[in-house]
Amino acid sequence: MAGSPFTSDVSGNWNVGATWGNSGNNVAGDGYPDASDAVTIVTGDVVTLTQNEEAGFLVINGGGEIRGGGYKVTLNDAGGATYIFSNSGTIGATGSHGSFNIDITGGSADRPINENGTGSITNLTINNSGRTYKTHENLTLLGNLTITAGTLTTNNGSADKTLTVNGGTIVGDGSSGAN
């Protein structure tokens, strides 16, 4: 079941209610997003991770930005959006901004990953048995791709897209991998 929609209101840390227009409320799922929530970062706002976080899905609009801080967002597909992750803005995942990592762990439908903004995901993990995730645009990972359950395809239904993994690739239980 879908949780609440959370749309950034100002630049700030993910786990601070004021970032999402909920000043003084720093409780996950109430003041800031948690595992069941639809999250959108809008134009002009920069949201920074200061710990690992969860969401149903994540959208970064053009002109919006997420800074990874070395942490990850776990996406469970609650809310059933078109995309489980969509970036038309910026991922600040290098230098002083730290890496930005995504784990996909749930969902009952196949969903695209839309990466047509600037910056790149560092590490992507897919762990959702029976689901297929499509790269809607070309996808570059600065680090590793791990698929423990589920499928990632580079054909978006109308064209093949490029997948570049600058780290390692692990498929299955991790007993075999390729670089």
Foldseek 3Di string as FASTA:
>chain_A
DAAEEFEADAADEQQALVRRPQHPDRDDSPSGDAARYHYEYEAPYEYEYPEEGEHQAYEYDANGEYQDQQYEYEHANHPVDQARYAYQYYYNPDDPSHAYEYEYAHDDEAHEHHDPHYDAHAEYEYHYAPYEYEHLAAHEHNEEYEYQHYYYAQDPPPDGHHYHHNYWYHYHPRPDTGD
